[in-house]
Amino acid sequence: MMHGTQTAPPAALAVSGLSHFYGRRKALDDVTFAIAPATFTVLLGLNGAGKSTLFSLVTRLFATRQGSIRIFGHDIGQAPGEALRVLGVVFQPRTLDLDLSVMQNLMFYASLHGIRAREARVRAQAVLATIELSARAGDKVRDLSGGQVRRVEIARALLHRPRLLVLDEPTVGLDIKARAAILEHVRALAAAGTCVLWATHLVDEIADGDDVAILHAGRILAHGPVARVVGEAGAPNIHAAFTRLTGGAETQTSDGSA
C-alpha cells in the first residue's frame, strides 16, 4: 500500500537567479533567496544596494528579464494576477492623496481591487482599528503626522487581505518614536500570520528573532535567522556581521550613528 508524501507549502516569496540592469550597470546580480510563510524577514542593505530595484521587480513595476519570482507558488511573470492578489505593498515614497480623507483613500484603493463598497467600509474600519487610527478616519491625510501617514499606507496595503506584506524603507523620515510604533504594528501583523519582508538600511530595526537577508552591491551575502548569520560571520552581533560580510561597509542606526 503506497502512502502519499506530503509536499512542503510553497515559500511566501521565492526569488531565483534574479539579475537586473540599468543600461550597462548591474543593479542585481543573481539574487536567490526564499522566505517562509508567517515570518518577519529584514532585507538589510545600504542605500544603493538594490533594495528598491528588488521591490520594483517583486511588485511588477519592472518586468523580470533574468530569473524568476514566485509569491506563494505563483510566478509573477506567468501569473501576475494571482501573484499580486496575495501581495500587499508599502512603497518608500508617500502615495496617499493628501486632499482626501483617510477613509476616502482606503475606499478608493479597495475599489481598485474590486471590493464592493459595503465590504470595503467594513474592512477599512477593521484595518484602521488594527493601526489605532479609527478616530482619524474622516481627517484629511495632510493633517496627519508622518508616522500616522505610514500607518494608513500599511492599512491600505492590508485591505485586500494579502498573505505577504512588503515594505520598502517604511520608516524613512520618521522620528525614533514613530519608527518604533510602525515596527511594533508590523511585527504584530507578522505574529498574527502575515508574512513580512521589511527593507531597511538601519541595523537597529532588526530583532534577534528575525530572519535577515543582507543585500550589498546587488548580491545577497547572507540569509537566515539572525543568530546563524552572526555566527557564520564570526561576529559578536548583526552590526559587526554586516560590516564583516560587506568588507567594511557601515550600516546606520536610527539615531544616525554608524
Protein backbone atom coordinates (compact mmCIF):
# COMPACT_ATOMS: atom_id res chain seq x y z
CA MET A 1 0.00 0.00 0.00
CA MET A 2 1.51 3.33 -1.08
CA HIS A 3 1.36 6.36 1.11
CA GLY A 4 1.23 9.82 -0.45
CA THR A 5 4.09 12.07 0.54
CA GLN A 6 3.24 15.49 1.88
CA THR A 7 4.76 18.31 -0.12
CA ALA A 8 6.05 21.36 1.70
CA PRO A 9 3.93 24.50 1.28
CA PRO A 10 5.39 26.99 -1.20
CA ALA A 11 7.57 29.82 0.05
CA ALA A 12 5.85 33.15 0.65
CA LEU A 13 8.47 34.64 -1.66
CA ALA A 14 10.97 32.69 -3.75
CA VAL A 15 13.49 34.66 -5.81
CA SER A 16 15.76 32.68 -8.10
CA GLY A 17 18.66 33.81 -10.29
CA LEU A 18 17.38 37.38 -10.40
CA SER A 19 19.55 39.95 -12.19
CA HIS A 20 18.65 43.42 -13.37
CA PHE A 21 20.50 46.05 -15.37
CA TYR A 22 20.12 49.81 -15.81
CA GLY A 23 21.88 50.16 -19.14
CA ARG A 24 25.23 48.50 -18.51
CA ARG A 25 25.10 48.87 -14.72
CA LYS A 26 24.12 45.68 -12.93
CA ALA A 27 21.80 46.59 -10.05
CA LEU A 28 21.02 42.99 -9.02
CA ASP A 29 23.42 40.10 -9.56
CA ASP A 30 22.00 36.55 -9.49
CA VAL A 31 19.87 37.13 -6.37
CA THR A 32 18.43 33.92 -4.93
CA PHE A 33 16.60 33.53 -1.62
CA ALA A 34 13.27 32.34 -0.23
CA ILE A 35 11.24 33.35 2.82
CA ALA A 36 8.84 31.06 4.64
CA PRO A 37 5.18 31.92 5.30
CA ALA A 38 4.31 33.80 8.52
CA THR A 39 7.86 35.05 9.14
CA PHE A 40 9.36 38.52 9.62
CA THR A 41 12.36 38.93 7.33
CA VAL A 42 14.52 42.06 7.22
CA LEU A 43 16.21 42.92 3.92
CA LEU A 44 19.23 44.88 5.15
CA GLY A 45 21.30 46.96 2.77
CA LEU A 46 22.81 50.38 2.32
CA ASN A 47 21.17 52.94 0.05
CA GLY A 48 22.04 51.85 -3.49
CA ALA A 49 22.39 48.16 -2.55
CA GLY A 50 19.48 47.18 -4.81
CA LYS A 51 16.59 47.00 -2.34
CA SER A 52 14.24 49.28 -4.29
CA THR A 53 15.13 47.53 -7.56
CA LEU A 54 14.26 44.19 -5.97
CA PHE A 55 10.95 45.62 -4.71
CA SER A 56 10.16 47.05 -8.16
CA LEU A 57 10.60 43.57 -9.64
CA VAL A 58 8.64 41.80 -6.89
CA THR A 59 5.74 44.27 -7.29
CA ARG A 60 5.99 44.15 -11.08
CA LEU A 61 6.75 47.83 -11.59
CA PHE A 62 9.66 46.46 -13.60
CA ALA A 63 9.44 43.38 -15.81
CA THR A 64 11.64 40.43 -14.84
CA ARG A 65 14.10 39.63 -17.62
CA GLN A 66 16.62 37.38 -15.86
CA GLY A 67 15.49 34.98 -13.16
CA SER A 68 12.13 34.26 -11.55
CA ILE A 69 9.96 35.49 -8.69
CA ARG A 70 7.23 33.37 -7.10
CA ILE A 71 4.76 34.55 -4.48
CA PHE A 72 3.13 31.60 -2.71
CA GLY A 73 3.92 29.49 -5.76
CA HIS A 74 2.56 31.96 -8.34
CA ASP A 75 5.16 33.03 -10.91
CA ILE A 76 4.89 36.80 -11.20
CA GLY A 77 5.83 36.71 -14.87
CA GLN A 78 3.43 33.94 -15.89
CA ALA A 79 0.55 34.53 -13.45
CA PRO A 80 0.83 38.15 -12.30
CA GLY A 81 -2.82 38.45 -11.28
CA GLU A 82 -2.64 35.51 -8.87
CA ALA A 83 0.74 36.62 -7.52
CA LEU A 84 -0.23 40.25 -6.91
CA ARG A 85 -3.56 39.27 -5.36
CA VAL A 86 -1.75 37.88 -2.30
CA LEU A 87 0.77 40.73 -2.10
CA GLY A 88 0.47 43.97 -0.11
CA VAL A 89 2.97 46.77 -0.72
CA VAL A 90 4.15 49.87 1.11
CA PHE A 91 6.48 51.83 -1.16
CA GLN A 92 9.17 54.20 0.09
CA PRO A 93 7.64 57.38 -1.46
CA ARG A 94 4.37 58.56 0.10
CA THR A 95 1.49 57.63 -2.21
CA LEU A 96 -1.73 58.69 -0.45
CA ASP A 97 -3.89 61.54 -1.78
CA LEU A 98 -3.28 64.34 0.72
CA ASP A 99 -6.58 66.10 -0.02
CA LEU A 100 -8.77 63.05 0.56
CA SER A 101 -9.70 61.76 3.98
CA VAL A 102 -8.17 58.61 5.40
CA MET A 103 -11.38 56.69 4.73
CA GLN A 104 -11.68 58.07 1.17
CA ASN A 105 -8.13 56.91 0.40
CA LEU A 106 -8.92 53.44 1.70
CA MET A 107 -12.25 53.22 -0.15
CA PHE A 108 -10.64 54.29 -3.43
CA TYR A 109 -7.91 51.67 -3.09
CA ALA A 110 -10.48 48.99 -2.25
CA SER A 111 -12.44 49.84 -5.39
CA LEU A 112 -9.28 49.26 -7.46
CA HIS A 113 -9.21 45.74 -6.02
CA GLY A 114 -12.85 45.16 -6.92
CA ILE A 115 -14.02 45.17 -3.31
CA ARG A 116 -17.65 46.32 -3.08
CA ALA A 117 -18.32 49.50 -1.13
CA ARG A 118 -20.10 47.94 1.84
CA GLU A 119 -17.44 45.27 2.30
CA ALA A 120 -14.70 47.87 1.72
CA ARG A 121 -16.02 50.06 4.52
CA VAL A 122 -16.12 47.11 6.93
CA ARG A 123 -12.54 46.17 6.00
CA ALA A 124 -11.35 49.78 6.21
CA GLN A 125 -12.82 50.19 9.69
CA ALA A 126 -11.16 46.93 10.75
CA VAL A 127 -7.68 47.87 9.47
CA LEU A 128 -7.95 51.37 10.98
CA ALA A 129 -8.71 49.74 14.33
CA THR A 130 -5.66 47.50 13.87
CA ILE A 131 -3.37 50.51 13.40
CA GLU A 132 -5.18 52.52 16.12
CA LEU A 133 -6.34 55.33 13.82
CA SER A 134 -10.13 54.82 13.84
CA ALA A 135 -10.61 58.32 15.26
CA ARG A 136 -8.85 59.89 12.25
CA ALA A 137 -10.95 58.19 9.53
CA GLY A 138 -12.62 61.45 8.46
CA ASP A 139 -9.48 63.59 8.62
CA LYS A 140 -7.59 64.69 5.52
CA VAL A 141 -4.29 62.88 5.10
CA ARG A 142 -2.40 66.19 5.04
CA ASP A 143 -3.45 66.74 8.67
CA LEU A 144 -1.74 63.55 9.88
CA SER A 145 1.79 63.18 11.21
CA GLY A 146 4.40 61.31 9.16
CA GLY A 147 4.04 58.22 11.34
CA GLN A 148 0.25 58.26 11.01
CA VAL A 149 0.51 58.55 7.20
CA ARG A 150 2.75 55.48 7.18
CA ARG A 151 0.24 53.58 9.31
CA VAL A 152 -2.56 54.48 6.88
CA GLU A 153 -0.41 53.21 3.99
CA ILE A 154 0.05 49.93 5.86
CA ALA A 155 -3.71 49.76 6.49
CA ARG A 156 -4.34 50.36 2.79
CA ALA A 157 -1.94 47.55 1.85
CA LEU A 158 -3.89 45.16 4.09
CA LEU A 159 -7.37 45.89 2.67
CA HIS A 160 -7.32 43.02 0.17
CA ARG A 161 -6.00 40.66 2.88
CA PRO A 162 -2.61 39.81 1.41
CA ARG A 163 -0.57 36.86 2.69
CA LEU A 164 2.73 38.69 2.05
CA LEU A 165 3.37 42.33 3.00
CA VAL A 166 6.49 44.02 1.61
CA LEU A 167 7.67 47.40 2.89
CA ASP A 168 10.47 49.43 1.30
CA GLU A 169 12.24 51.62 3.89
CA PRO A 170 8.92 52.32 5.65
CA THR A 171 10.45 54.39 8.47
CA VAL A 172 12.44 56.86 6.34
CA GLY A 173 11.84 60.42 7.53
CA LEU A 174 10.21 59.39 10.82
CA ASP A 175 11.45 60.17 14.31
CA ILE A 176 12.61 57.37 16.61
CA LYS A 177 9.27 57.12 18.46
CA ALA A 178 7.29 56.88 15.20
CA ARG A 179 9.77 54.30 13.82
CA ALA A 180 9.29 52.14 16.89
CA ALA A 181 5.49 52.37 16.63
CA ILE A 182 5.49 51.34 12.95
CA LEU A 183 7.79 48.40 13.68
CA GLU A 184 5.58 47.31 16.58
CA HIS A 185 2.45 47.39 14.40
CA VAL A 186 4.05 45.41 11.59
CA ARG A 187 5.59 42.85 13.95
CA ALA A 188 2.11 42.30 15.40
CA LEU A 189 0.82 41.59 11.88
CA ALA A 190 3.60 39.04 11.39
CA ALA A 191 2.80 37.43 14.74
CA ALA A 192 -0.82 37.10 13.57
CA GLY A 193 0.25 35.21 10.44
CA THR A 194 1.02 37.78 7.72
CA CYS A 195 4.44 37.18 6.15
CA VAL A 196 6.53 40.38 6.15
CA LEU A 197 9.55 41.47 4.13
CA TRP A 198 10.89 44.70 5.69
CA ALA A 199 13.62 46.53 3.75
CA THR A 200 15.86 48.92 5.67
CA HIS A 201 19.37 50.35 5.93
CA LEU A 202 19.01 50.68 9.73
CA VAL A 203 20.57 47.81 11.64
CA ASP A 204 18.69 48.60 14.86
CA GLU A 205 15.37 47.74 13.19
CA ILE A 206 16.44 44.08 13.35
CA ALA A 207 15.39 41.92 16.33
CA ASP A 208 17.21 38.79 17.47
CA GLY A 209 14.30 36.57 16.46
CA ASP A 210 14.08 37.85 12.88
CA ASP A 211 15.36 36.35 9.68
CA VAL A 212 17.74 38.68 7.85
CA ALA A 213 18.88 38.87 4.23
CA ILE A 214 21.95 41.05 3.66
CA LEU A 215 21.95 42.70 0.24
CA HIS A 216 25.11 44.52 -0.82
CA ALA A 217 26.11 45.81 -4.25
CA GLY A 218 23.28 43.81 -5.82
CA ARG A 219 24.14 40.46 -4.21
CA ILE A 220 22.70 38.50 -1.30
CA LEU A 221 25.69 37.89 1.01
CA ALA A 222 23.84 36.01 3.77
CA HIS A 223 20.31 34.93 4.62
CA GLY A 224 18.82 33.16 7.61
CA PRO A 225 18.00 33.62 11.30
CA VAL A 226 19.97 36.47 12.85
CA ALA A 227 21.85 34.15 15.21
CA ARG A 228 23.01 31.95 12.32
CA VAL A 229 24.09 34.87 10.12
CA VAL A 230 26.02 36.39 13.05
CA GLY A 231 27.59 33.03 13.96
CA GLU A 232 28.64 32.16 10.42
CA ALA A 233 30.22 35.61 10.05
CA GLY A 234 32.17 35.04 13.26
CA ALA A 235 30.84 38.33 14.61
CA PRO A 236 29.51 39.42 18.02
CA ASN A 237 26.31 40.99 16.64
CA ILE A 238 24.42 41.72 13.41
CA HIS A 239 26.03 45.17 13.00
CA ALA A 240 29.52 43.64 13.10
CA ALA A 241 28.39 40.76 10.87
CA PHE A 242 27.18 43.22 8.24
CA THR A 243 30.47 45.14 8.32
CA ARG A 244 32.49 41.90 8.09
CA LEU A 245 30.42 40.40 5.26
CA THR A 246 30.47 43.59 3.18
CA GLY A 247 34.19 44.18 3.60
CA GLY A 248 33.91 47.23 5.81
CA ALA A 249 30.62 48.89 4.86
CA GLU A 250 28.86 50.59 7.77
CA THR A 251 25.11 50.49 8.38
CA GLN A 252 23.44 53.22 10.37
CA THR A 253 21.30 53.18 13.47
CA SER A 254 18.13 55.21 13.72
CA ASP A 255 19.90 58.00 15.62
CA GLY A 256 22.19 58.49 12.62
CA SER A 257 25.32 56.91 14.12
CA ALA A 258 27.32 54.22 12.36
